[in-house]
Amino acid sequence: MREQVGRHPQACFTYKGNPIRWDVTNTAWHNAIKKAELSDFRFHDLRHTWASWHRQAGTSCDELKDLGGWKSRVIVDRYAKYATAHLQVAASRIVGKREGD
């Protein structure tokens, strides 16, 4: 995905300079999946990855909702999964306070 940055002014994924739409089921896509030795993988899965990377980088749910074109935060939450590493910082906020009691 990182290789696609800057290749198009609006779209993340393009083919011959045109944005790739949601219905990617062509031979090129299937050949790429085989070449990458992936199984059970859909183009739509990339949208989940994109949304998750945004949330992990600090993009707010409201910003991501607008970026992704979703109508509700509920849908954003379905797409954007969090890594749990950032939760350690949040959890540790009370550790020092409790140890000092």
PDB file of N, CA and C in Angstrom:
ATOM      1  N   MET A   1       0.814  -1.186   0.000  1.00  0.00           N
ATOM      2  CA  MET A   1       0.000   0.000   0.000  1.00  0.00           C
ATOM      3  C   MET A   1       0.861   1.254   0.000  1.00  0.00           C
ATOM      4  N   ARG A   2       1.956   1.200   0.722  1.00  0.00           N
ATOM      5  CA  ARG A   2       2.812   2.391   0.807  1.00  0.00           C
ATOM      6  C   ARG A   2       3.353   2.813  -0.555  1.00  0.00           C
ATOM      7  N   GLU A   3       3.539   1.853  -1.450  1.00  0.00           N
ATOM      8  CA  GLU A   3       4.048   2.166  -2.787  1.00  0.00           C
ATOM      9  C   GLU A   3       3.047   2.978  -3.604  1.00  0.00           C
ATOM     10  N   GLN A   4       1.792   2.982  -3.199  1.00  0.00           N
ATOM     11  CA  GLN A   4       0.757   3.690  -3.950  1.00  0.00           C
ATOM     12  C   GLN A   4       0.653   5.171  -3.585  1.00  0.00           C
ATOM     13  N   VAL A   5       1.269   5.565  -2.479  1.00  0.00           N
ATOM     14  CA  VAL A   5       1.168   6.951  -2.016  1.00  0.00           C
ATOM     15  C   VAL A   5       1.682   7.905  -3.085  1.00  0.00           C
ATOM     16  N   GLY A   6       0.846   8.887  -3.418  1.00  0.00           N
ATOM     17  CA  GLY A   6       1.221   9.913  -4.376  1.00  0.00           C
ATOM     18  C   GLY A   6       1.003   9.575  -5.835  1.00  0.00           C
ATOM     19  N   ARG A   7       0.546   8.388  -6.128  1.00  0.00           N
ATOM     20  CA  ARG A   7       0.351   8.003  -7.528  1.00  0.00           C
ATOM     21  C   ARG A   7      -0.928   8.578  -8.131  1.00  0.00           C
ATOM     22  N   HIS A   8      -1.873   8.922  -7.279  1.00  0.00           N
ATOM     23  CA  HIS A   8      -3.138   9.489  -7.745  1.00  0.00           C
ATOM     24  C   HIS A   8      -3.567  10.546  -6.733  1.00  0.00           C
ATOM     25  N   PRO A   9      -4.158  11.654  -7.184  1.00  0.00           N
ATOM     26  CA  PRO A   9      -4.508  12.728  -6.245  1.00  0.00           C
ATOM     27  C   PRO A   9      -5.606  12.372  -5.254  1.00  0.00           C
ATOM     28  N   GLN A  10      -6.440  11.369  -5.560  1.00  0.00           N
ATOM     29  CA  GLN A  10      -7.547  11.038  -4.662  1.00  0.00           C
ATOM     30  C   GLN A  10      -7.628   9.562  -4.299  1.00  0.00           C
ATOM     31  N   ALA A  11      -7.323   8.685  -5.215  1.00  0.00           N
ATOM     32  CA  ALA A  11      -7.528   7.255  -4.994  1.00  0.00           C
ATOM     33  C   ALA A  11      -6.261   6.583  -4.474  1.00  0.00           C
ATOM     34  N   CYS A  12      -6.457   5.614  -3.590  1.00  0.00           N
ATOM     35  CA  CYS A  12      -5.327   4.830  -3.080  1.00  0.00           C
ATOM     36  C   CYS A  12      -4.905   3.766  -4.086  1.00  0.00           C
ATOM     37  N   PHE A  13      -5.880   3.192  -4.777  1.00  0.00           N
ATOM     38  CA  PHE A  13      -5.595   2.086  -5.675  1.00  0.00           C
ATOM     39  C   PHE A  13      -6.035   2.438  -7.084  1.00  0.00           C
ATOM     40  N   THR A  14      -5.119   2.281  -8.017  1.00  0.00           N
ATOM     41  CA  THR A  14      -5.414   2.609  -9.405  1.00  0.00           C
ATOM     42  C   THR A  14      -4.931   1.493 -10.324  1.00  0.00           C
ATOM     43  N   TYR A  15      -5.462   1.503 -11.519  1.00  0.00           N
ATOM     44  CA  TYR A  15      -5.005   0.609 -12.576  1.00  0.00           C
ATOM     45  C   TYR A  15      -4.977   1.435 -13.843  1.00  0.00           C
ATOM     46  N   LYS A  16      -3.804   1.543 -14.434  1.00  0.00           N
ATOM     47  CA  LYS A  16      -3.602   2.360 -15.622  1.00  0.00           C
ATOM     48  C   LYS A  16      -4.099   3.793 -15.408  1.00  0.00           C
ATOM     49  N   GLY A  17      -3.834   4.321 -14.205  1.00  0.00           N
ATOM     50  CA  GLY A  17      -4.163   5.702 -13.890  1.00  0.00           C
ATOM     51  C   GLY A  17      -5.587   5.966 -13.462  1.00  0.00           C
ATOM     52  N   ASN A  18      -6.439   4.967 -13.479  1.00  0.00           N
ATOM     53  CA  ASN A  18      -7.840   5.137 -13.090  1.00  0.00           C
ATOM     54  C   ASN A  18      -8.102   4.468 -11.746  1.00  0.00           C
ATOM     55  N   PRO A  19      -8.945   5.089 -10.914  1.00  0.00           N
ATOM     56  CA  PRO A  19      -9.267   4.473  -9.627  1.00  0.00           C
ATOM     57  C   PRO A  19      -9.898   3.099  -9.798  1.00  0.00           C
ATOM     58  N   ILE A  20      -9.509   2.185  -8.930  1.00  0.00           N
ATOM     59  CA  ILE A  20     -10.117   0.855  -8.922  1.00  0.00           C
ATOM     60  C   ILE A  20     -11.399   0.963  -8.107  1.00  0.00           C
ATOM     61  N   ARG A  21     -12.464   0.449  -8.639  1.00  0.00           N
ATOM     62  CA  ARG A  21     -13.762   0.510  -7.964  1.00  0.00           C
ATOM     63  C   ARG A  21     -13.967  -0.737  -7.110  1.00  0.00           C
ATOM     64  N   TRP A  22     -15.124  -0.817  -6.477  1.00  0.00           N
ATOM     65  CA  TRP A  22     -15.392  -1.870  -5.494  1.00  0.00           C
ATOM     66  C   TRP A  22     -15.521  -3.256  -6.081  1.00  0.00           C
ATOM     67  N   ASP A  23     -15.844  -3.376  -7.335  1.00  0.00           N
ATOM     68  CA  ASP A  23     -16.138  -4.680  -7.908  1.00  0.00           C
ATOM     69  C   ASP A  23     -14.926  -5.320  -8.589  1.00  0.00           C
ATOM     70  N   VAL A  24     -13.815  -5.356  -7.890  1.00  0.00           N
ATOM     71  CA  VAL A  24     -12.595  -5.921  -8.459  1.00  0.00           C
ATOM     72  C   VAL A  24     -12.677  -7.442  -8.410  1.00  0.00           C
ATOM     73  N   THR A  25     -12.852  -8.023  -9.557  1.00  0.00           N
ATOM     74  CA  THR A  25     -12.871  -9.489  -9.651  1.00  0.00           C
ATOM     75  C   THR A  25     -12.235  -9.908 -10.961  1.00  0.00           C
ATOM     76  N   ASN A  26     -11.357  -9.081 -11.475  1.00  0.00           N
ATOM     77  CA  ASN A  26     -10.788  -9.383 -12.785  1.00  0.00           C
ATOM     78  C   ASN A  26      -9.611 -10.357 -12.690  1.00  0.00           C
ATOM     79  N   THR A  27      -9.152 -10.782 -13.826  1.00  0.00           N
ATOM     80  CA  THR A  27      -8.066 -11.755 -13.899  1.00  0.00           C
ATOM     81  C   THR A  27      -6.789 -11.227 -13.269  1.00  0.00           C
ATOM     82  N   ALA A  28      -6.490  -9.945 -13.466  1.00  0.00           N
ATOM     83  CA  ALA A  28      -5.270  -9.365 -12.897  1.00  0.00           C
ATOM     84  C   ALA A  28      -5.282  -9.470 -11.368  1.00  0.00           C
ATOM     85  N   TRP A  29      -6.435  -9.198 -10.757  1.00  0.00           N
ATOM     86  CA  TRP A  29      -6.547  -9.292  -9.299  1.00  0.00           C
ATOM     87  C   TRP A  29      -6.321 -10.727  -8.838  1.00  0.00           C
ATOM     88  N   HIS A  30      -6.968 -11.653  -9.489  1.00  0.00           N
ATOM     89  CA  HIS A  30      -6.832 -13.064  -9.093  1.00  0.00           C
ATOM     90  C   HIS A  30      -5.395 -13.566  -9.306  1.00  0.00           C
ATOM     91  N   ASN A  31      -4.754 -13.124 -10.369  1.00  0.00           N
ATOM     92  CA  ASN A  31      -3.357 -13.498 -10.603  1.00  0.00           C
ATOM     93  C   ASN A  31      -2.443 -12.908  -9.533  1.00  0.00           C
ATOM     94  N   ALA A  32      -2.706 -11.675  -9.133  1.00  0.00           N
ATOM     95  CA  ALA A  32      -1.895 -11.041  -8.083  1.00  0.00           C
ATOM     96  C   ALA A  32      -2.043 -11.780  -6.761  1.00  0.00           C
ATOM     97  N   ILE A  33      -3.256 -12.206  -6.445  1.00  0.00           N
ATOM     98  CA  ILE A  33      -3.506 -12.964  -5.209  1.00  0.00           C
ATOM     99  C   ILE A  33      -2.722 -14.277  -5.225  1.00  0.00           C
ATOM    100  N   LYS A  34      -2.749 -14.965  -6.362  1.00  0.00           N
ATOM    101  CA  LYS A  34      -2.000 -16.220  -6.485  1.00  0.00           C
ATOM    102  C   LYS A  34      -0.503 -15.976  -6.362  1.00  0.00           C
ATOM    103  N   LYS A  35      -0.019 -14.943  -7.039  1.00  0.00           N
ATOM    104  CA  LYS A  35       1.409 -14.631  -7.017  1.00  0.00           C
ATOM    105  C   LYS A  35       1.881 -14.291  -5.597  1.00  0.00           C
ATOM    106  N   ALA A  36       1.041 -13.608  -4.854  1.00  0.00           N
ATOM    107  CA  ALA A  36       1.378 -13.255  -3.469  1.00  0.00           C
ATOM    108  C   ALA A  36       1.156 -14.416  -2.510  1.00  0.00           C
ATOM    109  N   GLU A  37       0.633 -15.521  -3.036  1.00  0.00           N
ATOM    110  CA  GLU A  37       0.348 -16.721  -2.240  1.00  0.00           C
ATOM    111  C   GLU A  37      -0.604 -16.426  -1.085  1.00  0.00           C
ATOM    112  N   LEU A  38      -1.628 -15.635  -1.394  1.00  0.00           N
ATOM    113  CA  LEU A  38      -2.662 -15.325  -0.410  1.00  0.00           C
ATOM    114  C   LEU A  38      -3.870 -16.212  -0.656  1.00  0.00           C
ATOM    115  N   SER A  39      -4.573 -16.512   0.404  1.00  0.00           N
ATOM    116  CA  SER A  39      -5.812 -17.256   0.247  1.00  0.00           C
ATOM    117  C   SER A  39      -6.893 -16.544   1.056  1.00  0.00           C
ATOM    118  N   ASP A  40      -8.123 -16.722   0.652  1.00  0.00           N
ATOM    119  CA  ASP A  40      -9.254 -16.104   1.340  1.00  0.00           C
ATOM    120  C   ASP A  40      -9.030 -14.598   1.525  1.00  0.00           C
ATOM    121  N   PHE A  41      -8.657 -13.915   0.457  1.00  0.00           N
ATOM    122  CA  PHE A  41      -8.366 -12.482   0.507  1.00  0.00           C
ATOM    123  C   PHE A  41      -9.161 -11.765  -0.562  1.00  0.00           C
ATOM    124  N   ARG A  42      -9.825 -10.693  -0.166  1.00  0.00           N
ATOM    125  CA  ARG A  42     -10.623  -9.900  -1.088  1.00  0.00           C
ATOM    126  C   ARG A  42     -10.057  -8.489  -1.167  1.00  0.00           C
ATOM    127  N   PHE A  43     -10.300  -7.813  -2.260  1.00  0.00           N
ATOM    128  CA  PHE A  43      -9.869  -6.420  -2.396  1.00  0.00           C
ATOM    129  C   PHE A  43     -10.422  -5.585  -1.252  1.00  0.00           C
ATOM    130  N   HIS A  44     -11.632  -5.897  -0.859  1.00  0.00           N
ATOM    131  CA  HIS A  44     -12.294  -5.170   0.224  1.00  0.00           C
ATOM    132  C   HIS A  44     -11.504  -5.254   1.540  1.00  0.00           C
ATOM    133  N   ASP A  45     -10.730  -6.307   1.722  1.00  0.00           N
ATOM    134  CA  ASP A  45      -9.920  -6.439   2.937  1.00  0.00           C
ATOM    135  C   ASP A  45      -8.914  -5.298   3.063  1.00  0.00           C
ATOM    136  N   LEU A  46      -8.481  -4.755   1.937  1.00  0.00           N
ATOM    137  CA  LEU A  46      -7.540  -3.630   1.969  1.00  0.00           C
ATOM    138  C   LEU A  46      -8.161  -2.404   2.611  1.00  0.00           C
ATOM    139  N   ARG A  47      -9.464  -2.239   2.464  1.00  0.00           N
ATOM    140  CA  ARG A  47     -10.164  -1.114   3.093  1.00  0.00           C
ATOM    141  C   ARG A  47     -10.105  -1.241   4.620  1.00  0.00           C
ATOM    142  N   HIS A  48     -10.238  -2.454   5.111  1.00  0.00           N
ATOM    143  CA  HIS A  48     -10.121  -2.681   6.558  1.00  0.00           C
ATOM    144  C   HIS A  48      -8.715  -2.329   7.034  1.00  0.00           C
ATOM    145  N   THR A  49      -7.712  -2.752   6.286  1.00  0.00           N
ATOM    146  CA  THR A  49      -6.328  -2.453   6.649  1.00  0.00           C
ATOM    147  C   THR A  49      -6.091  -0.955   6.659  1.00  0.00           C
ATOM    148  N   TRP A  50      -6.536  -0.274   5.623  1.00  0.00           N
ATOM    149  CA  TRP A  50      -6.387   1.170   5.520  1.00  0.00           C
ATOM    150  C   TRP A  50      -7.031   1.879   6.714  1.00  0.00           C
ATOM    151  N   ALA A  51      -8.241   1.479   7.058  1.00  0.00           N
ATOM    152  CA  ALA A  51      -8.948   2.104   8.171  1.00  0.00           C
ATOM    153  C   ALA A  51      -8.253   1.813   9.501  1.00  0.00           C
ATOM    154  N   SER A  52      -7.783   0.605   9.672  1.00  0.00           N
ATOM    155  CA  SER A  52      -7.089   0.243  10.916  1.00  0.00           C
ATOM    156  C   SER A  52      -5.791   1.021  11.068  1.00  0.00           C
ATOM    157  N   TRP A  53      -5.037   1.158   9.978  1.00  0.00           N
ATOM    158  CA  TRP A  53      -3.791   1.925  10.042  1.00  0.00           C
ATOM    159  C   TRP A  53      -4.074   3.381  10.405  1.00  0.00           C
ATOM    160  N   HIS A  54      -5.152   3.927   9.874  1.00  0.00           N
ATOM    161  CA  HIS A  54      -5.509   5.303  10.216  1.00  0.00           C
ATOM    162  C   HIS A  54      -5.801   5.430  11.709  1.00  0.00           C
ATOM    163  N   ARG A  55      -6.615   4.543  12.246  1.00  0.00           N
ATOM    164  CA  ARG A  55      -6.968   4.622  13.673  1.00  0.00           C
ATOM    165  C   ARG A  55      -5.730   4.450  14.539  1.00  0.00           C
ATOM    166  N   GLN A  56      -4.856   3.530  14.167  1.00  0.00           N
ATOM    167  CA  GLN A  56      -3.645   3.296  14.949  1.00  0.00           C
ATOM    168  C   GLN A  56      -2.695   4.478  14.866  1.00  0.00           C
ATOM    169  N   ALA A  57      -2.804   5.272  13.802  1.00  0.00           N
ATOM    170  CA  ALA A  57      -1.954   6.449  13.636  1.00  0.00           C
ATOM    171  C   ALA A  57      -2.558   7.679  14.305  1.00  0.00           C
ATOM    172  N   GLY A  58      -3.764   7.536  14.863  1.00  0.00           N
ATOM    173  CA  GLY A  58      -4.366   8.648  15.590  1.00  0.00           C
ATOM    174  C   GLY A  58      -5.457   9.398  14.860  1.00  0.00           C
ATOM    175  N   THR A  59      -5.852   8.945  13.680  1.00  0.00           N
ATOM    176  CA  THR A  59      -6.953   9.578  12.968  1.00  0.00           C
ATOM    177  C   THR A  59      -8.227   9.361  13.778  1.00  0.00           C
ATOM    178  N   SER A  60      -8.968  10.435  14.013  1.00  0.00           N
ATOM    179  CA  SER A  60     -10.182  10.309  14.817  1.00  0.00           C
ATOM    180  C   SER A  60     -11.253   9.545  14.054  1.00  0.00           C
ATOM    181  N   CYS A  61     -12.220   9.018  14.792  1.00  0.00           N
ATOM    182  CA  CYS A  61     -13.312   8.282  14.155  1.00  0.00           C
ATOM    183  C   CYS A  61     -14.095   9.185  13.210  1.00  0.00           C
ATOM    184  N   ASP A  62     -14.313  10.438  13.600  1.00  0.00           N
ATOM    185  CA  ASP A  62     -15.051  11.351  12.738  1.00  0.00           C
ATOM    186  C   ASP A  62     -14.282  11.658  11.461  1.00  0.00           C
ATOM    187  N   GLU A  63     -12.982  11.857  11.577  1.00  0.00           N
ATOM    188  CA  GLU A  63     -12.159  12.082  10.385  1.00  0.00           C
ATOM    189  C   GLU A  63     -12.184  10.865   9.474  1.00  0.00           C
ATOM    190  N   LEU A  64     -12.044   9.697  10.072  1.00  0.00           N
ATOM    191  CA  LEU A  64     -12.025   8.459   9.289  1.00  0.00           C
ATOM    192  C   LEU A  64     -13.373   8.198   8.630  1.00  0.00           C
ATOM    193  N   LYS A  65     -14.431   8.537   9.326  1.00  0.00           N
ATOM    194  CA  LYS A  65     -15.777   8.399   8.755  1.00  0.00           C
ATOM    195  C   LYS A  65     -15.877   9.212   7.461  1.00  0.00           C
ATOM    196  N   ASP A  66     -15.381  10.429   7.499  1.00  0.00           N
ATOM    197  CA  ASP A  66     -15.419  11.280   6.311  1.00  0.00           C
ATOM    198  C   ASP A  66     -14.457  10.784   5.229  1.00  0.00           C
ATOM    199  N   LEU A  67     -13.254  10.387   5.618  1.00  0.00           N
ATOM    200  CA  LEU A  67     -12.283   9.884   4.648  1.00  0.00           C
ATOM    201  C   LEU A  67     -12.786   8.638   3.931  1.00  0.00           C
ATOM    202  N   GLY A  68     -13.394   7.741   4.684  1.00  0.00           N
ATOM    203  CA  GLY A  68     -13.850   6.475   4.121  1.00  0.00           C
ATOM    204  C   GLY A  68     -15.216   6.534   3.479  1.00  0.00           C
ATOM    205  N   GLY A  69     -15.906   7.666   3.678  1.00  0.00           N
ATOM    206  CA  GLY A  69     -17.232   7.803   3.080  1.00  0.00           C
ATOM    207  C   GLY A  69     -18.319   7.026   3.802  1.00  0.00           C
ATOM    208  N   TRP A  70     -18.089   6.706   5.074  1.00  0.00           N
ATOM    209  CA  TRP A  70     -19.098   5.981   5.840  1.00  0.00           C
ATOM    210  C   TRP A  70     -20.103   6.950   6.421  1.00  0.00           C
ATOM    211  N   LYS A  71     -21.318   6.476   6.644  1.00  0.00           N
ATOM    212  CA  LYS A  71     -22.379   7.333   7.148  1.00  0.00           C
ATOM    213  C   LYS A  71     -22.485   7.343   8.667  1.00  0.00           C
ATOM    214  N   SER A  72     -21.894   6.352   9.323  1.00  0.00           N
ATOM    215  CA  SER A  72     -22.017   6.300  10.783  1.00  0.00           C
ATOM    216  C   SER A  72     -20.724   5.801  11.430  1.00  0.00           C
ATOM    217  N   ARG A  73     -20.579   6.142  12.708  1.00  0.00           N
ATOM    218  CA  ARG A  73     -19.420   5.689  13.474  1.00  0.00           C
ATOM    219  C   ARG A  73     -19.472   4.185  13.707  1.00  0.00           C
ATOM    220  N   VAL A  74     -20.662   3.616  13.725  1.00  0.00           N
ATOM    221  CA  VAL A  74     -20.804   2.170  13.917  1.00  0.00           C
ATOM    222  C   VAL A  74     -20.071   1.426  12.801  1.00  0.00           C
ATOM    223  N   ILE A  75     -20.211   1.911  11.581  1.00  0.00           N
ATOM    224  CA  ILE A  75     -19.540   1.280  10.445  1.00  0.00           C
ATOM    225  C   ILE A  75     -18.032   1.477  10.555  1.00  0.00           C
ATOM    226  N   VAL A  76     -17.601   2.659  10.976  1.00  0.00           N
ATOM    227  CA  VAL A  76     -16.165   2.914  11.161  1.00  0.00           C
ATOM    228  C   VAL A  76     -15.589   1.897  12.141  1.00  0.00           C
ATOM    229  N   ASP A  77     -16.299   1.649  13.222  1.00  0.00           N
ATOM    230  CA  ASP A  77     -15.827   0.695  14.224  1.00  0.00           C
ATOM    231  C   ASP A  77     -15.727  -0.721  13.651  1.00  0.00           C
ATOM    232  N   ARG A  78     -16.571  -1.069  12.702  1.00  0.00           N
ATOM    233  CA  ARG A  78     -16.482  -2.389  12.061  1.00  0.00           C
ATOM    234  C   ARG A  78     -15.220  -2.507  11.217  1.00  0.00           C
ATOM    235  N   TYR A  79     -14.869  -1.413  10.568  1.00  0.00           N
ATOM    236  CA  TYR A  79     -13.731  -1.426   9.660  1.00  0.00           C
ATOM    237  C   TYR A  79     -12.409  -1.243  10.380  1.00  0.00           C
ATOM    238  N   ALA A  80     -12.354  -0.317  11.306  1.00  0.00           N
ATOM    239  CA  ALA A  80     -11.090   0.081  11.915  1.00  0.00           C
ATOM    240  C   ALA A  80     -10.831  -0.701  13.192  1.00  0.00           C
ATOM    241  N   LYS A  81      -9.991  -1.681  13.092  1.00  0.00           N
ATOM    242  CA  LYS A  81      -9.605  -2.473  14.260  1.00  0.00           C
ATOM    243  C   LYS A  81      -8.346  -1.873  14.863  1.00  0.00           C
ATOM    244  N   TYR A  82      -8.280  -1.938  16.155  1.00  0.00           N
ATOM    245  CA  TYR A  82      -7.144  -1.370  16.863  1.00  0.00           C
ATOM    246  C   TYR A  82      -6.096  -2.433  17.155  1.00  0.00           C
ATOM    247  N   ALA A  83      -4.856  -2.013  17.136  1.00  0.00           N
ATOM    248  CA  ALA A  83      -3.794  -2.847  17.698  1.00  0.00           C
ATOM    249  C   ALA A  83      -3.887  -2.626  19.208  1.00  0.00           C
ATOM    250  N   THR A  84      -3.517  -3.621  19.983  1.00  0.00           N
ATOM    251  CA  THR A  84      -3.655  -3.476  21.431  1.00  0.00           C
ATOM    252  C   THR A  84      -2.429  -2.856  22.095  1.00  0.00           C
ATOM    253  N   ALA A  85      -1.346  -2.677  21.353  1.00  0.00           N
ATOM    254  CA  ALA A  85      -0.129  -2.133  21.965  1.00  0.00           C
ATOM    255  C   ALA A  85      -0.361  -0.755  22.569  1.00  0.00           C
ATOM    256  N   HIS A  86      -1.172   0.066  21.929  1.00  0.00           N
ATOM    257  CA  HIS A  86      -1.413   1.415  22.444  1.00  0.00           C
ATOM    258  C   HIS A  86      -2.202   1.390  23.755  1.00  0.00           C
ATOM    259  N   LEU A  87      -2.867   0.280  24.056  1.00  0.00           N
ATOM    260  CA  LEU A  87      -3.650   0.201  25.285  1.00  0.00           C
ATOM    261  C   LEU A  87      -2.763   0.087  26.520  1.00  0.00           C
ATOM    262  N   GLN A  88      -1.543  -0.385  26.349  1.00  0.00           N
ATOM    263  CA  GLN A  88      -0.624  -0.497  27.484  1.00  0.00           C
ATOM    264  C   GLN A  88      -0.359   0.870  28.096  1.00  0.00           C
ATOM    265  N   VAL A  89      -0.212   1.881  27.265  1.00  0.00           N
ATOM    266  CA  VAL A  89       0.014   3.243  27.763  1.00  0.00           C
ATOM    267  C   VAL A  89      -1.186   3.693  28.581  1.00  0.00           C
ATOM    268  N   ALA A  90      -2.383   3.462  28.061  1.00  0.00           N
ATOM    269  CA  ALA A  90      -3.588   3.865  28.779  1.00  0.00           C
ATOM    270  C   ALA A  90      -3.719   3.105  30.095  1.00  0.00           C
ATOM    271  N   ALA A  91      -3.472   1.815  30.063  1.00  0.00           N
ATOM    272  CA  ALA A  91      -3.605   1.000  31.269  1.00  0.00           C
ATOM    273  C   ALA A  91      -2.580   1.381  32.332  1.00  0.00           C
ATOM    274  N   SER A  92      -1.389   1.793  31.902  1.00  0.00           N
ATOM    275  CA  SER A  92      -0.329   2.105  32.861  1.00  0.00           C
ATOM    276  C   SER A  92      -0.519   3.449  33.557  1.00  0.00           C
ATOM    277  N   ARG A  93      -1.473   4.235  33.110  1.00  0.00           N
ATOM    278  CA  ARG A  93      -1.687   5.547  33.733  1.00  0.00           C
ATOM    279  C   ARG A  93      -2.028   5.441  35.212  1.00  0.00           C
ATOM    280  N   ILE A  94      -2.701   4.385  35.608  1.00  0.00           N
ATOM    281  CA  ILE A  94      -3.067   4.277  37.017  1.00  0.00           C
ATOM    282  C   ILE A  94      -2.123   3.411  37.826  1.00  0.00           C
ATOM    283  N   VAL A  95      -1.202   2.710  37.174  1.00  0.00           N
ATOM    284  CA  VAL A  95      -0.302   1.834  37.888  1.00  0.00           C
ATOM    285  C   VAL A  95       0.557   2.611  38.872  1.00  0.00           C
ATOM    286  N   GLY A  96       1.179   3.692  38.411  1.00  0.00           N
ATOM    287  CA  GLY A  96       2.015   4.495  39.296  1.00  0.00           C
ATOM    288  C   GLY A  96       1.254   5.102  40.450  1.00  0.00           C
ATOM    289  N   LYS A  97       0.027   5.497  40.209  1.00  0.00           N
ATOM    290  CA  LYS A  97      -0.811   6.086  41.271  1.00  0.00           C
ATOM    291  C   LYS A  97      -1.174   5.045  42.323  1.00  0.00           C
ATOM    292  N   ARG A  98      -1.462   3.836  41.880  1.00  0.00           N
ATOM    293  CA  ARG A  98      -1.850   2.776  42.816  1.00  0.00           C
ATOM    294  C   ARG A  98      -0.661   2.323  43.651  1.00  0.00           C
ATOM    295  N   GLU A  99       0.529   2.267  43.026  1.00  0.00           N
ATOM    296  CA  GLU A  99       1.717   1.828  43.746  1.00  0.00           C
ATOM    297  C   GLU A  99       2.124   2.838  44.801  1.00  0.00           C
ATOM    298  N   GLY A 100       1.766   4.108  44.604  1.00  0.00           N
ATOM    299  CA  GLY A 100       2.130   5.141  45.548  1.00  0.00           C
ATOM    300  C   GLY A 100       1.179   5.277  46.718  1.00  0.00           C
ATOM    301  N   ASP A 101       0.050   4.533  46.694  1.00  0.00           N
ATOM    302  CA  ASP A 101      -0.945   4.630  47.775  1.00  0.00           C
ATOM    303  C   ASP A 101      -0.419   4.090  49.078  1.00  0.00           C
TER     304      ASP A 101
END
